[in-house]
Amino acid sequence: MLNLDRLRTLSAIARHGSVSAAAEGLHVTTSAVSQQIAKLERETGQQLLAKNGRGVRLTDAGRLLADHAARILSQVELAQAELEAHRGQAVGELRLGAFPTAARGLLPAALVALRAEYPQLRALLRELEPDDSVRGVVRGDLDLAVVLDWYNRPLPLPDGLAKAPLLDDPADVAMPSDHRLAHRDAVDLEEFADDEWISWPQAEFCHDWLMFTLRSSGVEPRIAHMAEEHHTQLALIAAGLGVAVAPRLGRGPVPEGVSVVPVRHTMRRHVYAIWRADADRRPSIRAAVAALQEAGKGVTADG
C-alpha cells in the first residue's frame, strides 16, 4: 500500500521543482525528502527521480504517480475537512500566511482571539508576500492566507480558491515634513512628478502596482530606493530621501520628520482571506475567517 507521507513528498517535488524546494515547503531536511523518495521507489519498484544536471527531474513513472498523488491528497484533504465539519470542532493545526503589514496590524488580534476561543487549535503564522501566499495555499503548504488587491489592480487568483473580505485599507503619501506639500489636507499623485520615490522591491506585487499607478497618473517613476519594510521606508523619508505610498494597516506611529497626507482620489487596498474551496467546511477555516473579520472591524474602527 502506498504511504501518504511519501506521496506527499513526491507531490511536493512535482510542485516545487526540486528536492531542496520541496524540503523547504514541507519544513523537513533534504535528506528526509531523499529518504522518503528512496522508500517510495522500493515500494513501487519504479525509478521516480532522475538526475538532471545539478538537480533532478521526474521520470515518466514519477510524473504518473505524482499526478495520482495530487488527486489522492486532494481527496484526503476533503475527507479531513468533512470529518472535522462532522465533529464540529476547530482543532488541530492551521497554517496561515499573511503579507507583512497584515501580519503586524491584523493577525495578532485574530490569533489571540483564536487561542482564547479554540484552545485545541494551533495556528501557525508565516509572513509572506501575497504571490507566495497564493502559491502556498494552492500547493497545500498553507491552509489559509491573508492577501490583498489594490483598488485598481486585482491580485490574480487561480481556480479552486474561496475568499472572504476582511477590510479596506486606505493609503496615504508619506513625505518629509519640510516637503512643499506636507501642509496640504489632500494631494494628487500628479503633484509628485518631480519627486524621487521609495518603493517595495522589484517583482513584488505592490512594486508592480506602484509603477502601474504612477504611470496611469502621468508620472514616470523615479525610484531612488527600495525597501521591504514600511518602517524602513519611513526612516528613509525622515532622512529626506524621497516619498512613498504608506498604507495605514500596521503602519504604527509615524516617525518625527515624516508627514502623511491623504490622496484626493482615495487609494485603497482590499484585504481578504483565501483558502482552498475543498476545505471550505473545516470549522478551523471558518473560525479563523471569523476571527480575522472581527479583527478587521477593530482596525477599521481605529482608523
Protein backbone atom coordinates (compact mmCIF):
# COMPACT_ATOMS: atom_id res chain seq x y z
CA MET A 1 0.00 0.00 0.00
CA LEU A 2 1.31 3.47 -0.91
CA ASN A 3 2.30 5.65 2.04
CA LEU A 4 0.59 9.06 2.16
CA ASP A 5 3.62 10.87 3.58
CA ARG A 6 5.76 9.56 0.72
CA LEU A 7 3.13 10.54 -1.83
CA ARG A 8 3.02 13.98 -0.26
CA THR A 9 6.80 14.22 -0.65
CA LEU A 10 6.67 13.23 -4.32
CA SER A 11 3.84 15.70 -4.92
CA ALA A 12 5.90 18.46 -3.28
CA ILE A 13 8.84 17.75 -5.61
CA ALA A 14 6.49 17.91 -8.60
CA ARG A 15 5.04 21.22 -7.41
CA HIS A 16 8.28 22.90 -6.31
CA GLY A 17 10.56 21.53 -8.99
CA SER A 18 13.47 20.42 -6.80
CA VAL A 19 14.32 18.37 -3.71
CA SER A 20 15.58 21.40 -1.78
CA ALA A 21 12.49 23.49 -2.55
CA ALA A 22 10.23 20.57 -1.64
CA ALA A 23 12.10 20.18 1.66
CA GLU A 24 11.60 23.87 2.42
CA GLY A 25 7.89 23.65 1.59
CA LEU A 26 7.46 20.57 3.76
CA HIS A 27 9.63 22.01 6.59
CA VAL A 28 11.97 19.00 6.59
CA THR A 29 15.57 18.37 5.57
CA THR A 30 16.62 17.47 2.04
CA SER A 31 17.93 14.20 3.46
CA ALA A 32 14.45 13.37 4.77
CA VAL A 33 12.96 14.06 1.33
CA SER A 34 15.53 11.82 -0.36
CA GLN A 35 14.86 9.02 2.13
CA GLN A 36 11.12 9.20 1.54
CA ILE A 37 11.59 9.01 -2.23
CA ALA A 38 14.01 6.07 -1.90
CA LYS A 39 11.41 4.20 0.16
CA LEU A 40 8.68 5.04 -2.33
CA GLU A 41 10.83 3.76 -5.21
CA ARG A 42 11.35 0.49 -3.36
CA GLU A 43 7.62 0.19 -2.66
CA THR A 44 6.66 0.82 -6.29
CA GLY A 45 9.60 -0.94 -7.92
CA GLN A 46 9.99 2.11 -10.19
CA GLN A 47 12.58 4.86 -10.57
CA LEU A 48 10.71 8.08 -9.81
CA LEU A 49 13.52 10.67 -10.00
CA ALA A 50 16.44 11.00 -12.40
CA LYS A 51 19.45 13.29 -12.27
CA ASN A 52 19.15 16.44 -14.37
CA GLY A 53 22.38 18.46 -14.24
CA ARG A 54 22.77 19.51 -10.62
CA GLY A 55 19.13 18.83 -9.89
CA VAL A 56 16.56 16.14 -10.52
CA ARG A 57 13.57 15.57 -12.76
CA LEU A 58 10.59 13.29 -12.52
CA THR A 59 10.73 10.18 -14.68
CA ASP A 60 7.65 9.13 -16.66
CA ALA A 61 6.71 6.86 -13.75
CA GLY A 62 7.35 9.72 -11.34
CA ARG A 63 5.07 12.09 -13.25
CA LEU A 64 2.37 9.45 -13.45
CA LEU A 65 2.47 8.78 -9.72
CA ALA A 66 2.74 12.50 -8.86
CA ASP A 67 -0.47 13.17 -10.83
CA HIS A 68 -2.25 10.41 -8.91
CA ALA A 69 -0.73 11.71 -5.65
CA ALA A 70 -2.16 15.18 -6.22
CA ARG A 71 -5.65 13.73 -6.67
CA ILE A 72 -5.29 11.35 -3.72
CA LEU A 73 -4.07 14.11 -1.40
CA SER A 74 -6.92 16.38 -2.50
CA GLN A 75 -9.40 13.65 -1.62
CA VAL A 76 -7.69 13.11 1.73
CA GLU A 77 -7.95 16.85 2.45
CA LEU A 78 -11.62 16.81 1.51
CA ALA A 79 -12.22 13.81 3.77
CA GLN A 80 -10.41 15.50 6.65
CA ALA A 81 -12.46 18.66 6.12
CA GLU A 82 -15.71 16.72 6.15
CA LEU A 83 -14.72 14.77 9.25
CA GLU A 84 -13.75 17.97 11.02
CA ALA A 85 -17.06 19.51 9.95
CA HIS A 86 -18.95 16.45 11.20
CA ARG A 87 -17.19 16.73 14.55
CA GLY A 88 -17.96 20.46 14.54
CA GLN A 89 -14.83 21.50 16.39
CA ALA A 90 -11.92 23.72 15.40
CA VAL A 91 -8.94 21.58 16.43
CA GLY A 92 -5.52 20.56 15.15
CA GLU A 93 -3.06 22.67 13.19
CA LEU A 94 -3.91 25.64 10.96
CA ARG A 95 -1.11 27.08 8.79
CA LEU A 96 -1.57 30.77 7.99
CA GLY A 97 0.23 33.17 5.67
CA ALA A 98 -0.05 36.97 5.66
CA PHE A 99 1.69 39.89 3.98
CA PRO A 100 3.89 41.97 6.35
CA THR A 101 1.55 44.82 7.31
CA ALA A 102 -1.34 42.40 7.86
CA ALA A 103 0.92 40.14 9.92
CA ARG A 104 1.71 43.17 12.07
CA GLY A 105 -1.60 45.05 12.12
CA LEU A 106 -4.27 42.35 11.82
CA LEU A 107 -3.03 38.89 12.77
CA PRO A 108 -2.02 39.46 16.43
CA ALA A 109 -5.59 40.28 17.50
CA ALA A 110 -7.02 37.43 15.41
CA LEU A 111 -4.54 34.87 16.76
CA VAL A 112 -5.20 35.90 20.37
CA ALA A 113 -8.96 35.53 19.80
CA LEU A 114 -8.50 32.10 18.21
CA ARG A 115 -6.32 30.88 21.08
CA ALA A 116 -8.85 32.05 23.66
CA GLU A 117 -11.92 30.56 21.93
CA TYR A 118 -10.36 27.40 20.47
CA PRO A 119 -7.58 26.21 22.79
CA GLN A 120 -7.20 22.94 20.85
CA LEU A 121 -6.48 24.79 17.60
CA ARG A 122 -2.79 25.52 16.92
CA ALA A 123 -2.50 28.42 14.47
CA LEU A 124 0.94 28.88 12.87
CA LEU A 125 1.73 32.15 11.05
CA ARG A 126 4.24 32.77 8.26
CA GLU A 127 4.91 36.27 6.91
CA LEU A 128 4.78 36.04 3.10
CA GLU A 129 4.19 38.30 0.12
CA PRO A 130 0.73 37.86 -1.50
CA ASP A 131 2.02 35.93 -4.54
CA ASP A 132 3.88 33.50 -2.29
CA SER A 133 0.81 33.05 -0.09
CA VAL A 134 -1.39 32.24 -3.08
CA ARG A 135 1.09 29.61 -4.25
CA GLY A 136 1.27 28.22 -0.71
CA VAL A 137 -2.50 27.78 -0.48
CA VAL A 138 -2.74 26.22 -3.94
CA ARG A 139 0.09 23.77 -3.15
CA GLY A 140 -1.39 22.90 0.24
CA ASP A 141 1.56 24.33 2.19
CA LEU A 142 -0.84 26.83 3.79
CA ASP A 143 -4.42 26.31 4.93
CA LEU A 144 -5.41 29.97 4.76
CA ALA A 145 -3.75 33.24 3.72
CA VAL A 146 -4.39 36.95 4.07
CA VAL A 147 -3.71 38.69 0.76
CA LEU A 148 -4.64 41.96 -0.93
CA ASP A 149 -5.87 43.66 -4.08
CA TRP A 150 -5.18 47.30 -4.86
CA TYR A 151 -8.30 49.27 -5.82
CA ASN A 152 -7.15 49.49 -9.45
CA ARG A 153 -5.24 46.21 -9.80
CA PRO A 154 -6.55 42.82 -8.60
CA LEU A 155 -4.26 40.04 -7.46
CA PRO A 156 -4.60 37.13 -9.91
CA LEU A 157 -6.15 34.08 -8.21
CA PRO A 158 -6.26 30.58 -9.71
CA ASP A 159 -9.42 28.48 -9.77
CA GLY A 160 -10.29 26.35 -6.78
CA LEU A 161 -9.90 29.03 -4.10
CA ALA A 162 -12.55 30.57 -1.85
CA LYS A 163 -12.24 34.09 -0.44
CA ALA A 164 -13.78 36.39 2.16
CA PRO A 165 -13.31 40.17 2.56
CA LEU A 166 -11.65 41.40 5.76
CA LEU A 167 -11.25 45.17 5.43
CA ASP A 168 -10.39 48.06 3.11
CA ASP A 169 -7.09 49.75 3.91
CA PRO A 170 -6.59 53.38 2.79
CA ALA A 171 -3.11 54.51 1.74
CA ASP A 172 -1.57 57.97 2.03
CA VAL A 173 1.55 59.56 0.62
CA ALA A 174 4.36 59.84 3.16
CA MET A 175 6.87 62.66 2.67
CA PRO A 176 9.47 64.64 4.63
CA SER A 177 7.83 67.16 6.95
CA ASP A 178 9.53 70.02 5.11
CA HIS A 179 8.18 68.86 1.74
CA ARG A 180 6.33 71.52 -0.24
CA LEU A 181 3.06 69.53 0.01
CA ALA A 182 3.32 68.41 3.64
CA HIS A 183 0.88 71.07 4.88
CA ARG A 184 -1.91 70.05 2.49
CA ASP A 185 -5.16 68.30 3.50
CA ALA A 186 -5.06 66.15 0.36
CA VAL A 187 -2.78 65.65 -2.62
CA ASP A 188 -2.85 64.22 -6.14
CA LEU A 189 -0.20 61.78 -7.34
CA GLU A 190 0.49 64.02 -10.33
CA GLU A 191 1.95 66.61 -7.94
CA PHE A 192 4.88 64.27 -7.20
CA ALA A 193 6.14 64.08 -10.79
CA ASP A 194 9.48 65.64 -9.81
CA ASP A 195 9.99 63.63 -6.62
CA GLU A 196 12.10 60.55 -6.05
CA TRP A 197 10.15 57.55 -4.78
CA ILE A 198 10.87 54.85 -2.23
CA SER A 199 9.32 51.59 -3.37
CA TRP A 200 8.87 47.98 -2.41
CA PRO A 201 11.43 45.65 -4.04
CA GLN A 202 11.15 44.78 -7.72
CA ALA A 203 8.97 41.82 -8.75
CA GLU A 204 6.73 42.26 -5.70
CA PHE A 205 3.02 42.78 -6.32
CA CYS A 206 2.99 46.19 -4.58
CA HIS A 207 6.03 47.42 -6.56
CA ASP A 208 4.32 46.49 -9.83
CA TRP A 209 1.17 48.24 -8.61
CA LEU A 210 3.10 51.44 -7.78
CA MET A 211 4.71 51.55 -11.23
CA PHE A 212 1.33 50.98 -12.88
CA THR A 213 -0.49 53.59 -10.76
CA LEU A 214 2.10 56.35 -11.13
CA ARG A 215 2.30 55.86 -14.87
CA SER A 216 -1.51 55.85 -15.08
CA SER A 217 -1.38 59.26 -13.40
CA GLY A 218 1.12 60.57 -15.93
CA VAL A 219 4.10 60.26 -13.59
CA GLU A 220 7.19 58.39 -14.77
CA PRO A 221 8.51 56.82 -11.55
CA ARG A 222 11.96 57.85 -10.36
CA ILE A 223 12.76 55.08 -7.89
CA ALA A 224 15.60 56.15 -5.62
CA HIS A 225 15.43 53.40 -3.00
CA MET A 226 13.69 50.07 -2.42
CA ALA A 227 12.84 48.65 1.00
CA GLU A 228 10.71 45.70 2.08
CA GLU A 229 9.54 47.05 5.43
CA HIS A 230 7.35 50.14 5.71
CA HIS A 231 9.27 51.23 8.82
CA THR A 232 12.45 51.27 6.74
CA GLN A 233 10.72 53.28 4.04
CA LEU A 234 9.55 55.81 6.66
CA ALA A 235 13.09 56.08 8.06
CA LEU A 236 14.40 56.90 4.58
CA ILE A 237 11.66 59.51 4.18
CA ALA A 238 12.55 61.05 7.56
CA ALA A 239 16.09 61.45 6.24
CA GLY A 240 14.72 63.42 3.28
CA LEU A 241 15.46 60.75 0.69
CA GLY A 242 12.12 60.53 -1.10
CA VAL A 243 8.37 59.96 -0.83
CA ALA A 244 6.34 56.75 -0.65
CA VAL A 245 2.87 55.30 -0.56
CA ALA A 246 2.07 54.46 3.08
CA PRO A 247 -0.90 52.14 3.75
CA ARG A 248 -2.45 52.60 7.20
CA LEU A 249 -2.75 48.93 8.23
CA GLY A 250 0.13 48.05 10.53
CA ARG A 251 1.80 51.42 9.99
CA GLY A 252 2.18 52.33 13.66
CA PRO A 253 3.48 55.71 14.86
CA VAL A 254 4.89 57.91 12.11
CA PRO A 255 8.48 58.93 12.95
CA GLU A 256 9.47 62.52 13.55
CA GLY A 257 10.27 64.29 10.33
CA VAL A 258 7.60 62.47 8.29
CA SER A 259 4.18 63.76 7.24
CA VAL A 260 1.42 61.61 5.75
CA VAL A 261 -1.23 63.21 3.55
CA PRO A 262 -4.33 61.50 2.10
CA VAL A 263 -4.69 61.22 -1.66
CA ARG A 264 -7.66 63.14 -3.07
CA HIS A 265 -8.83 60.14 -5.12
CA THR A 266 -8.53 57.62 -2.31
CA MET A 267 -6.10 54.73 -2.82
CA ARG A 268 -7.24 51.57 -1.05
CA ARG A 269 -6.06 48.02 -0.59
CA HIS A 270 -8.78 45.37 -0.35
CA VAL A 271 -7.61 42.85 2.25
CA TYR A 272 -9.16 39.38 2.21
CA ALA A 273 -8.63 35.77 3.24
CA ILE A 274 -8.24 32.90 0.79
CA TRP A 275 -8.34 29.11 1.25
CA ARG A 276 -8.85 26.01 -0.87
CA ALA A 277 -12.50 25.51 -1.75
CA ASP A 278 -12.28 21.80 -0.93
CA ALA A 279 -11.50 22.79 2.68
CA ASP A 280 -14.48 25.12 2.91
CA ARG A 281 -16.33 23.05 5.54
CA ARG A 282 -13.45 22.89 8.01
CA PRO A 283 -14.51 24.55 11.29
CA SER A 284 -10.94 25.78 11.79
CA ILE A 285 -11.07 27.69 8.49
CA ARG A 286 -14.41 29.23 9.39
CA ALA A 287 -13.20 30.10 12.88
CA ALA A 288 -10.07 31.78 11.50
CA VAL A 289 -12.02 33.79 8.92
CA ALA A 290 -14.46 34.98 11.61
CA ALA A 291 -11.58 35.99 13.89
CA LEU A 292 -9.86 37.85 11.06
CA GLN A 293 -13.08 39.67 10.12
CA GLU A 294 -13.62 40.70 13.74
CA ALA A 295 -10.01 41.92 13.96
CA GLY A 296 -10.59 43.82 10.71
CA LYS A 297 -13.53 45.66 12.29
CA GLY A 298 -11.19 46.79 15.08
CA VAL A 299 -8.66 48.08 12.55
CA THR A 300 -11.42 49.96 10.68
CA ALA A 301 -12.70 51.45 13.94
CA ASP A 302 -9.19 52.53 14.94
CA GLY A 303 -8.66 54.08 11.51
